[in-house]
Amino acid sequence: MSSDLYDYSASEPEKPAKAIESGLYIVATPIGNLADMSQRAIEMLRAADLVAVEDSRVTGKLLHHLGLKKRMRPYHDHSSEADRDSLLAAARNGVVVLVSDAGTPLISDPGYKLVRAAREAGITVSTAPGPSAAIAALSISGLPTDRFLFAGFLPSKTKARADVLAEFTHVKSTLLFYESGPRLGASLQSMAEILGPRDAVVARELTKKFEEVVSGTLPQLADHYAEVEPKGEIVVVVGPPTEAAHEVGDYEGALKIALESMPPAKAAKDIAKRFGVDRAEVYERAMALKSGA
């Protein structure tokens, strides 16, 4: 294979060997290492009449690296219906490429409404698949991969975060979360209290120079990151529940959180089931907590 296939620095890149028909193309971009850009993704960007981006500064750097100059138009969470209609009009008669700042578009990024509207309008929708931080983290976590659930970012508020985590308590799948450095410690603490001592992995800055993967139980990771605020993009991978996760651990912290949104009887039932303890005992403790004892 010719080595120049991977030379992305040419100032005048070759045209695609095969013309790309008009439509909307979802193109994955590197999550850190620019060498992860696929040849097919490059060809789609070369053919693009318009590139829909989250941040033109970020995508501009990638295009410059590839030796491309393209019209860019913002498309993000705050884009209007008129913005969407404009992109659809462009895709009817030309090639529109949708990218995110990094990784696969629509994975914790805006875009599904655009894709749905394009399909409803009979516009071709295709993809150049590639990097995804969630899948990359899962693949090197050493945790079960046969069933997994991607849950994106957890809420920043303690109670809202606890409510969301409670929804996953009995989900028999590996869980994937995105997180930021400043919030990681608090999120891991909530996970430890609500999900129990499950095996977990914190994967940071994947494919980059300072890539780091730390494994342990959720309580261990919560303790580790209580005083450490890591930098960069973070994925937390949490193993599925096991019998041990329901039978051991101090349930009082989880009970306190449950009482914030549930009456004592319901909270006691939930916690007793999760931790494998006597329901009457948990109810008695719940009533004591409610009374301030």
Protein backbone atom coordinates (compact mmCIF):
# COMPACT_ATOMS: atom_id res chain seq x y z
CA MET A 1 0.00 0.00 0.00
CA SER A 2 1.36 3.41 -0.92
CA SER A 3 2.61 5.33 2.10
CA ASP A 4 1.24 8.62 0.73
CA LEU A 5 -2.25 7.34 1.51
CA TYR A 6 -1.64 8.60 5.05
CA ASP A 7 0.04 11.90 4.14
CA TYR A 8 -2.54 14.43 5.35
CA SER A 9 -0.30 17.47 5.03
CA ALA A 10 -0.53 18.03 1.26
CA SER A 11 -1.57 21.59 0.45
CA GLU A 12 -3.58 20.44 -2.57
CA PRO A 13 -5.21 17.11 -1.67
CA GLU A 14 -6.35 14.82 -4.46
CA LYS A 15 -9.99 14.67 -5.41
CA PRO A 16 -11.97 11.63 -4.24
CA ALA A 17 -11.63 8.70 -6.64
CA LYS A 18 -15.41 8.31 -6.69
CA ALA A 19 -17.93 11.14 -6.70
CA ILE A 20 -20.08 11.38 -3.59
CA GLU A 21 -23.76 12.03 -4.21
CA SER A 22 -25.63 14.83 -2.52
CA GLY A 23 -26.86 14.20 1.00
CA LEU A 24 -26.01 14.38 4.69
CA TYR A 25 -22.89 12.58 5.86
CA ILE A 26 -22.13 11.88 9.53
CA VAL A 27 -18.34 11.81 9.81
CA ALA A 28 -16.38 10.71 12.88
CA THR A 29 -13.22 12.65 13.73
CA PRO A 30 -10.30 11.79 16.06
CA ILE A 31 -10.76 12.05 19.82
CA GLY A 32 -7.12 13.05 20.25
CA ASN A 33 -4.77 11.39 17.82
CA LEU A 34 -5.10 12.87 14.33
CA ALA A 35 -3.72 9.68 12.80
CA ASP A 36 -7.06 8.04 13.65
CA MET A 37 -8.78 9.97 10.84
CA SER A 38 -9.94 7.39 8.29
CA GLN A 39 -9.23 7.74 4.58
CA ARG A 40 -12.95 7.54 3.82
CA ALA A 41 -13.71 10.33 6.29
CA ILE A 42 -11.06 12.47 4.61
CA GLU A 43 -12.63 11.83 1.20
CA MET A 44 -16.04 12.89 2.48
CA LEU A 45 -14.58 16.12 3.85
CA ARG A 46 -12.84 16.73 0.53
CA ALA A 47 -16.15 16.32 -1.27
CA ALA A 48 -18.10 18.50 1.17
CA ASP A 49 -19.80 21.64 -0.08
CA LEU A 50 -20.56 22.55 3.52
CA VAL A 51 -19.35 21.28 6.90
CA ALA A 52 -21.71 21.57 9.89
CA VAL A 53 -19.65 21.96 13.06
CA GLU A 54 -19.94 22.45 16.81
CA ASP A 55 -17.03 24.89 16.95
CA SER A 56 -15.43 26.25 13.79
CA ARG A 57 -12.15 26.85 15.64
CA VAL A 58 -11.82 23.17 16.55
CA THR A 59 -12.87 21.83 13.14
CA GLY A 60 -10.80 24.51 11.44
CA LYS A 61 -7.64 23.06 12.98
CA LEU A 62 -8.53 19.60 11.67
CA LEU A 63 -9.27 20.91 8.18
CA HIS A 64 -5.99 22.82 8.18
CA HIS A 65 -4.17 19.63 9.19
CA LEU A 66 -5.78 17.88 6.21
CA GLY A 67 -4.91 20.70 3.84
CA LEU A 68 -8.59 21.56 3.27
CA LYS A 69 -10.48 24.83 3.13
CA LYS A 70 -14.23 24.40 3.51
CA ARG A 71 -17.29 26.48 4.27
CA MET A 72 -18.37 25.80 7.82
CA ARG A 73 -21.68 26.46 9.51
CA PRO A 74 -22.44 26.04 13.24
CA TYR A 75 -24.80 23.29 14.32
CA HIS A 76 -25.14 22.68 18.06
CA ASP A 77 -27.62 22.49 20.95
CA HIS A 78 -28.68 26.10 20.46
CA SER A 79 -29.27 25.90 16.71
CA SER A 80 -32.76 26.82 15.54
CA GLU A 81 -35.23 25.05 13.28
CA ALA A 82 -34.29 27.59 10.60
CA ASP A 83 -30.65 26.51 10.92
CA ARG A 84 -31.72 22.90 10.45
CA ASP A 85 -33.85 23.74 7.42
CA SER A 86 -30.92 25.59 5.86
CA LEU A 87 -28.67 22.54 6.21
CA LEU A 88 -31.37 20.29 4.74
CA ALA A 89 -31.71 22.61 1.74
CA ALA A 90 -27.94 22.42 1.21
CA ALA A 91 -28.00 18.61 1.47
CA ARG A 92 -30.67 18.30 -1.22
CA ASN A 93 -28.32 19.60 -3.88
CA GLY A 94 -24.86 19.15 -2.40
CA VAL A 95 -22.73 17.27 0.10
CA VAL A 96 -23.19 18.34 3.73
CA VAL A 97 -20.86 16.77 6.29
CA LEU A 98 -21.75 16.86 10.00
CA VAL A 99 -18.87 16.60 12.47
CA SER A 100 -18.53 17.10 16.21
CA ASP A 101 -15.53 18.58 17.98
CA ALA A 102 -14.20 15.05 18.50
CA GLY A 103 -15.42 11.50 17.99
CA THR A 104 -18.67 10.32 16.44
CA PRO A 105 -21.38 12.96 15.96
CA LEU A 106 -24.66 12.46 17.85
CA ILE A 107 -22.95 10.48 20.65
CA SER A 108 -23.61 12.97 23.47
CA ASP A 109 -23.63 15.65 20.77
CA PRO A 110 -26.43 17.42 18.90
CA GLY A 111 -27.65 16.18 15.56
CA TYR A 112 -30.37 13.55 15.81
CA LYS A 113 -33.11 16.03 14.87
CA LEU A 114 -31.17 16.93 11.74
CA VAL A 115 -30.74 13.26 10.80
CA ARG A 116 -34.41 12.51 11.45
CA ALA A 117 -35.55 15.50 9.40
CA ALA A 118 -33.22 14.51 6.53
CA ARG A 119 -34.63 10.99 6.45
CA GLU A 120 -38.20 12.28 6.53
CA ALA A 121 -37.34 14.56 3.60
CA GLY A 122 -35.94 11.69 1.56
CA ILE A 123 -32.37 13.02 1.72
CA THR A 124 -29.56 10.47 1.65
CA VAL A 125 -27.99 9.99 5.08
CA SER A 126 -24.75 8.04 5.35
CA THR A 127 -21.78 7.76 7.68
CA ALA A 128 -18.03 7.41 7.83
CA PRO A 129 -17.77 5.63 11.20
CA GLY A 130 -14.75 6.00 13.41
CA PRO A 131 -13.52 7.08 16.84
CA SER A 132 -15.79 7.22 19.89
CA ALA A 133 -14.46 7.84 23.39
CA ALA A 134 -17.15 5.63 24.95
CA ILE A 135 -16.36 2.60 22.78
CA ALA A 136 -12.61 3.17 23.07
CA ALA A 137 -12.85 3.19 26.88
CA LEU A 138 -15.09 0.11 26.95
CA SER A 139 -12.69 -1.81 24.71
CA ILE A 140 -9.75 -1.40 27.11
CA SER A 141 -11.64 -1.47 30.42
CA GLY A 142 -11.55 -5.22 30.97
CA LEU A 143 -15.23 -5.07 31.99
CA PRO A 144 -18.03 -7.06 30.30
CA THR A 145 -18.76 -5.86 26.77
CA ASP A 146 -21.63 -8.14 25.75
CA ARG A 147 -24.22 -5.66 27.08
CA PHE A 148 -23.60 -2.00 27.79
CA LEU A 149 -25.55 1.21 28.26
CA PHE A 150 -24.21 4.65 27.36
CA ALA A 151 -25.64 7.30 29.70
CA GLY A 152 -23.70 10.43 28.67
CA PHE A 153 -23.10 13.11 31.30
CA LEU A 154 -24.75 12.84 34.72
CA PRO A 155 -26.47 15.94 36.19
CA SER A 156 -24.22 18.24 38.19
CA LYS A 157 -26.62 18.65 41.14
CA THR A 158 -26.32 15.98 43.83
CA LYS A 159 -29.99 15.02 44.06
CA ALA A 160 -30.56 15.02 40.30
CA ARG A 161 -27.45 12.89 39.84
CA ALA A 162 -28.64 10.46 42.50
CA ASP A 163 -32.07 10.18 40.88
CA VAL A 164 -30.52 9.31 37.51
CA LEU A 165 -28.11 6.78 39.01
CA ALA A 166 -31.00 5.12 40.86
CA GLU A 167 -32.55 4.34 37.47
CA PHE A 168 -29.51 2.19 36.62
CA THR A 169 -29.30 0.26 39.90
CA HIS A 170 -30.81 -2.94 38.53
CA VAL A 171 -29.69 -2.60 34.91
CA LYS A 172 -27.64 -5.73 34.22
CA SER A 173 -25.23 -4.07 31.82
CA THR A 174 -21.90 -2.29 31.90
CA LEU A 175 -22.54 1.46 32.23
CA LEU A 176 -20.66 4.20 30.38
CA PHE A 177 -20.60 7.83 31.54
CA TYR A 178 -18.82 10.95 30.30
CA GLU A 179 -17.44 13.26 32.97
CA SER A 180 -15.27 16.33 33.45
CA GLY A 181 -12.33 16.64 35.83
CA PRO A 182 -13.91 19.10 38.29
CA ARG A 183 -17.02 16.90 38.72
CA LEU A 184 -15.37 13.46 38.69
CA GLY A 185 -14.86 13.07 42.44
CA ALA A 186 -18.46 13.94 43.32
CA SER A 187 -19.84 11.72 40.57
CA LEU A 188 -17.75 8.73 41.67
CA GLN A 189 -18.89 9.27 45.27
CA SER A 190 -22.54 9.19 44.18
CA MET A 191 -21.91 6.08 42.09
CA ALA A 192 -20.25 4.34 45.04
CA GLU A 193 -23.15 5.17 47.35
CA ILE A 194 -25.91 4.22 44.93
CA LEU A 195 -24.45 1.50 42.70
CA GLY A 196 -22.32 -0.15 45.38
CA PRO A 197 -18.77 -1.56 45.24
CA ARG A 198 -18.79 -2.50 41.56
CA ASP A 199 -15.65 -2.81 39.48
CA ALA A 200 -15.04 0.33 37.45
CA VAL A 201 -12.51 2.13 35.27
CA VAL A 202 -11.72 5.82 34.79
CA ALA A 203 -10.27 6.37 31.31
CA ARG A 204 -8.80 9.80 30.61
CA GLU A 205 -7.32 11.52 27.55
CA LEU A 206 -7.65 8.41 25.38
CA THR A 207 -5.29 8.25 22.36
CA LYS A 208 -3.43 11.33 23.62
CA LYS A 209 0.05 11.72 25.10
CA PHE A 210 -1.14 11.62 28.71
CA GLU A 211 -3.64 8.76 28.33
CA GLU A 212 -4.48 7.25 31.72
CA VAL A 213 -6.63 4.27 32.69
CA VAL A 214 -7.26 3.66 36.41
CA SER A 215 -9.23 0.64 37.63
CA GLY A 216 -10.69 -0.37 40.98
CA THR A 217 -14.02 -0.55 42.77
CA LEU A 218 -16.24 2.51 42.79
CA PRO A 219 -15.45 3.28 46.47
CA GLN A 220 -11.72 2.95 45.74
CA LEU A 221 -11.93 5.27 42.75
CA ALA A 222 -14.09 7.73 44.71
CA ASP A 223 -11.41 7.88 47.42
CA HIS A 224 -8.62 8.23 44.86
CA TYR A 225 -10.23 11.13 43.02
CA ALA A 226 -11.61 12.86 46.14
CA GLU A 227 -8.43 14.93 46.35
CA VAL A 228 -7.31 14.68 42.72
CA GLU A 229 -8.89 16.76 39.96
CA PRO A 230 -7.71 15.27 36.68
CA LYS A 231 -7.63 17.22 33.45
CA GLY A 232 -8.99 16.32 30.04
CA GLU A 233 -11.83 14.24 28.64
CA ILE A 234 -12.97 11.40 30.91
CA VAL A 235 -15.02 8.22 30.48
CA VAL A 236 -16.19 6.25 33.53
CA VAL A 237 -16.95 2.58 32.84
CA VAL A 238 -18.91 0.77 35.56
CA GLY A 239 -19.32 -2.99 35.60
CA PRO A 240 -22.76 -4.63 35.83
CA PRO A 241 -24.24 -5.49 39.23
CA THR A 242 -23.20 -8.71 40.92
CA GLU A 243 -24.64 -10.57 43.86
CA ALA A 244 -21.87 -9.17 46.03
CA ALA A 245 -22.84 -5.63 45.07
CA HIS A 246 -26.25 -6.19 46.63
CA GLU A 247 -25.03 -7.97 49.75
CA VAL A 248 -22.20 -5.82 51.11
CA GLY A 249 -21.53 -2.19 51.80
CA ASP A 250 -22.75 0.53 54.15
CA TYR A 251 -26.27 1.35 53.00
CA GLU A 252 -26.82 4.44 55.13
CA GLY A 253 -25.38 6.90 52.62
CA ALA A 254 -27.60 5.53 49.88
CA LEU A 255 -30.58 5.59 52.27
CA LYS A 256 -30.02 9.29 53.01
CA ILE A 257 -30.05 10.08 49.30
CA ALA A 258 -33.13 7.92 48.72
CA LEU A 259 -35.01 9.73 51.50
CA GLU A 260 -34.55 13.01 49.66
CA SER A 261 -37.00 11.87 46.98
CA MET A 262 -38.90 8.93 48.51
CA PRO A 263 -41.08 8.33 51.56
CA PRO A 264 -39.42 6.14 54.25
CA ALA A 265 -41.33 2.96 53.34
CA LYS A 266 -40.42 3.12 49.67
CA ALA A 267 -36.84 4.10 50.41
CA ALA A 268 -36.50 1.21 52.87
CA LYS A 269 -37.86 -1.27 50.31
CA ASP A 270 -35.46 -0.04 47.63
CA ILE A 271 -32.38 0.00 49.83
CA ALA A 272 -33.15 -3.39 51.42
CA LYS A 273 -33.39 -4.97 47.97
CA ARG A 274 -30.22 -3.32 46.72
CA PHE A 275 -28.05 -4.14 49.74
CA GLY A 276 -29.58 -7.46 50.77
CA VAL A 277 -30.46 -6.32 54.29
CA ASP A 278 -33.59 -6.69 56.40
CA ARG A 279 -36.33 -4.33 55.27
CA ALA A 280 -37.61 -3.72 58.81
CA GLU A 281 -34.11 -2.78 59.92
CA VAL A 282 -33.73 -0.31 57.05
CA TYR A 283 -37.18 1.18 57.70
CA GLU A 284 -36.32 1.71 61.36
CA ARG A 285 -33.12 3.50 60.36
CA ALA A 286 -35.01 5.55 57.77
CA MET A 287 -37.47 6.77 60.39
CA ALA A 288 -34.59 7.67 62.70
CA LEU A 289 -32.93 9.67 59.96
CA LYS A 290 -36.18 11.48 59.15
CA SER A 291 -36.54 12.45 62.81
CA GLY A 292 -32.95 13.67 62.94
CA ALA A 293 -31.64 10.89 65.16
